């Protein structure tokens, strides 16, 4: 299993075990994190906007043009902004830290 870390708004880290191939949105919902994901991962909303806090941002699959456009619907976009529905967990992401935007 792969370990992903969720950083909450109080600065606490929650360690989460994830299976390869799951999306960060699926993992978040399974672990009762406060992430909306209104479209169910279809990439037609921006309610699963997250920040990649660790240096794993460069290990993620490059953003598609569609993801970039959807992120523009979000508030508080940063260089480390991503849509959780578009991040598939791989071994390369072991130790990733993320927070909900």
C-alpha atoms as a PDB file:
ATOM      1  CA  UNK A   1       0.000   0.000   0.000  1.00  0.00           C
ATOM      2  CA  UNK A   2       0.963   3.589  -0.581  1.00  0.00           C
ATOM      3  CA  UNK A   3       0.934   6.164   2.204  1.00  0.00           C
ATOM      4  CA  UNK A   4      -0.625   9.556   1.468  1.00  0.00           C
ATOM      5  CA  UNK A   5      -0.754  12.340   4.048  1.00  0.00           C
ATOM      6  CA  UNK A   6      -3.585  14.804   4.540  1.00  0.00           C
ATOM      7  CA  UNK A   7      -2.766  18.153   6.159  1.00  0.00           C
ATOM      8  CA  UNK A   8      -5.825  19.643   7.835  1.00  0.00           C
ATOM      9  CA  UNK A   9      -6.490  23.330   8.445  1.00  0.00           C
ATOM     10  CA  UNK A  10      -5.106  23.058  11.999  1.00  0.00           C
ATOM     11  CA  UNK A  11      -1.764  21.725  10.726  1.00  0.00           C
ATOM     12  CA  UNK A  12      -2.363  18.110  11.762  1.00  0.00           C
ATOM     13  CA  UNK A  13      -1.286  15.273   9.476  1.00  0.00           C
ATOM     14  CA  UNK A  14      -3.523  12.253   8.912  1.00  0.00           C
ATOM     15  CA  UNK A  15      -1.769   9.246   7.377  1.00  0.00           C
ATOM     16  CA  UNK A  16      -3.870   7.401   4.816  1.00  0.00           C
ATOM     17  CA  UNK A  17      -3.239   4.052   3.148  1.00  0.00           C
ATOM     18  CA  UNK A  18      -4.102   4.045  -0.548  1.00  0.00           C
ATOM     19  CA  UNK A  19      -4.167   1.521  -3.356  1.00  0.00           C
ATOM     20  CA  UNK A  20      -2.341   2.204  -6.580  1.00  0.00           C
ATOM     21  CA  UNK A  21      -4.688   3.569  -9.243  1.00  0.00           C
ATOM     22  CA  UNK A  22      -7.158   5.203  -6.860  1.00  0.00           C
ATOM     23  CA  UNK A  23      -7.746   8.913  -7.327  1.00  0.00           C
ATOM     24  CA  UNK A  24      -6.983  11.344  -4.547  1.00  0.00           C
ATOM     25  CA  UNK A  25     -10.696  12.212  -4.560  1.00  0.00           C
ATOM     26  CA  UNK A  26     -11.701   8.558  -4.014  1.00  0.00           C
ATOM     27  CA  UNK A  27      -9.168   8.221  -1.204  1.00  0.00           C
ATOM     28  CA  UNK A  28     -10.400  11.436   0.411  1.00  0.00           C
ATOM     29  CA  UNK A  29     -14.030  10.329   0.347  1.00  0.00           C
ATOM     30  CA  UNK A  30     -13.196   6.851   1.729  1.00  0.00           C
ATOM     31  CA  UNK A  31     -11.402   8.516   4.630  1.00  0.00           C
ATOM     32  CA  UNK A  32     -14.176  11.008   5.386  1.00  0.00           C
ATOM     33  CA  UNK A  33     -12.121  14.071   4.536  1.00  0.00           C
ATOM     34  CA  UNK A  34     -14.113  17.244   4.044  1.00  0.00           C
ATOM     35  CA  UNK A  35     -13.816  17.370   0.248  1.00  0.00           C
ATOM     36  CA  UNK A  36     -16.894  17.882  -1.872  1.00  0.00           C
ATOM     37  CA  UNK A  37     -16.211  16.429  -5.326  1.00  0.00           C
ATOM     38  CA  UNK A  38     -19.722  17.384  -6.467  1.00  0.00           C
ATOM     39  CA  UNK A  39     -19.350  15.960  -9.980  1.00  0.00           C
ATOM     40  CA  UNK A  40     -18.118  12.584  -8.721  1.00  0.00           C
ATOM     41  CA  UNK A  41     -14.743  12.880 -10.414  1.00  0.00           C
ATOM     42  CA  UNK A  42     -16.005  13.740 -13.902  1.00  0.00           C
ATOM     43  CA  UNK A  43     -13.907  16.953 -13.990  1.00  0.00           C
ATOM     44  CA  UNK A  44     -16.839  19.272 -14.592  1.00  0.00           C
ATOM     45  CA  UNK A  45     -16.565  21.225 -11.342  1.00  0.00           C
ATOM     46  CA  UNK A  46     -13.733  22.474  -9.173  1.00  0.00           C
ATOM     47  CA  UNK A  47     -14.970  21.285  -5.780  1.00  0.00           C
ATOM     48  CA  UNK A  48     -12.103  18.818  -5.322  1.00  0.00           C
ATOM     49  CA  UNK A  49      -9.449  21.546  -5.533  1.00  0.00           C
ATOM     50  CA  UNK A  50      -6.439  20.580  -3.404  1.00  0.00           C
ATOM     51  CA  UNK A  51      -2.935  21.862  -2.780  1.00  0.00           C
ATOM     52  CA  UNK A  52       0.010  19.509  -3.115  1.00  0.00           C
ATOM     53  CA  UNK A  53       2.072  20.543  -0.100  1.00  0.00           C
ATOM     54  CA  UNK A  54       5.027  18.164  -0.514  1.00  0.00           C
ATOM     55  CA  UNK A  55       7.552  18.261  -3.328  1.00  0.00           C
ATOM     56  CA  UNK A  56       5.596  15.557  -5.177  1.00  0.00           C
ATOM     57  CA  UNK A  57       4.082  18.185  -7.482  1.00  0.00           C
ATOM     58  CA  UNK A  58       6.787  17.390 -10.059  1.00  0.00           C
ATOM     59  CA  UNK A  59       6.022  13.656  -9.846  1.00  0.00           C
ATOM     60  CA  UNK A  60       2.370  14.103 -10.833  1.00  0.00           C
ATOM     61  CA  UNK A  61       1.098  13.569 -14.330  1.00  0.00           C
ATOM     62  CA  UNK A  62       1.091  16.925 -16.110  1.00  0.00           C
ATOM     63  CA  UNK A  63      -2.162  18.902 -15.935  1.00  0.00           C
ATOM     64  CA  UNK A  64      -4.370  18.657 -18.980  1.00  0.00           C
ATOM     65  CA  UNK A  65      -5.699  21.840 -20.569  1.00  0.00           C
ATOM     66  CA  UNK A  66      -9.155  20.827 -19.360  1.00  0.00           C
ATOM     67  CA  UNK A  67      -7.964  20.543 -15.742  1.00  0.00           C
ATOM     68  CA  UNK A  68      -6.334  23.982 -15.998  1.00  0.00           C
ATOM     69  CA  UNK A  69      -9.615  25.455 -17.296  1.00  0.00           C
ATOM     70  CA  UNK A  70     -11.683  23.846 -14.531  1.00  0.00           C
ATOM     71  CA  UNK A  71      -9.251  25.098 -11.872  1.00  0.00           C
ATOM     72  CA  UNK A  72      -9.919  28.633 -13.097  1.00  0.00           C
ATOM     73  CA  UNK A  73     -13.433  28.210 -11.634  1.00  0.00           C
ATOM     74  CA  UNK A  74     -11.831  27.872  -8.184  1.00  0.00           C
ATOM     75  CA  UNK A  75     -10.844  30.504  -5.705  1.00  0.00           C
ATOM     76  CA  UNK A  76      -7.313  30.718  -4.333  1.00  0.00           C
ATOM     77  CA  UNK A  77      -5.471  29.028  -7.200  1.00  0.00           C
ATOM     78  CA  UNK A  78      -1.765  28.529  -6.519  1.00  0.00           C
ATOM     79  CA  UNK A  79       1.123  26.922  -8.381  1.00  0.00           C
ATOM     80  CA  UNK A  80       0.525  23.742  -6.401  1.00  0.00           C
ATOM     81  CA  UNK A  81      -3.244  23.608  -7.109  1.00  0.00           C
ATOM     82  CA  UNK A  82      -4.673  20.433  -8.591  1.00  0.00           C
ATOM     83  CA  UNK A  83      -7.998  18.635  -8.894  1.00  0.00           C
ATOM     84  CA  UNK A  84      -8.041  15.575  -6.634  1.00  0.00           C
ATOM     85  CA  UNK A  85     -10.086  13.650  -9.186  1.00  0.00           C
ATOM     86  CA  UNK A  86      -7.215  13.901 -11.670  1.00  0.00           C
ATOM     87  CA  UNK A  87      -4.460  12.591  -9.402  1.00  0.00           C
ATOM     88  CA  UNK A  88      -4.051   8.822  -9.611  1.00  0.00           C
ATOM     89  CA  UNK A  89      -1.954   7.318  -6.853  1.00  0.00           C
ATOM     90  CA  UNK A  90       1.238   5.531  -7.875  1.00  0.00           C
ATOM     91  CA  UNK A  91       4.279   4.316  -5.931  1.00  0.00           C
ATOM     92  CA  UNK A  92       6.012   7.569  -6.957  1.00  0.00           C
ATOM     93  CA  UNK A  93       3.529   9.467  -4.790  1.00  0.00           C
ATOM     94  CA  UNK A  94       4.315   7.559  -1.593  1.00  0.00           C
ATOM     95  CA  UNK A  95       4.564  10.163   1.177  1.00  0.00           C
ATOM     96  CA  UNK A  96       2.640  12.850  -0.727  1.00  0.00           C
ATOM     97  CA  UNK A  97       1.144  15.561   1.480  1.00  0.00           C
ATOM     98  CA  UNK A  98      -1.970  17.441   0.376  1.00  0.00           C
ATOM     99  CA  UNK A  99      -4.515  19.822   1.817  1.00  0.00           C
ATOM    100  CA  UNK A 100      -7.983  20.871   0.717  1.00  0.00           C
ATOM    101  CA  UNK A 101      -8.049  24.317  -0.853  1.00  0.00           C
END
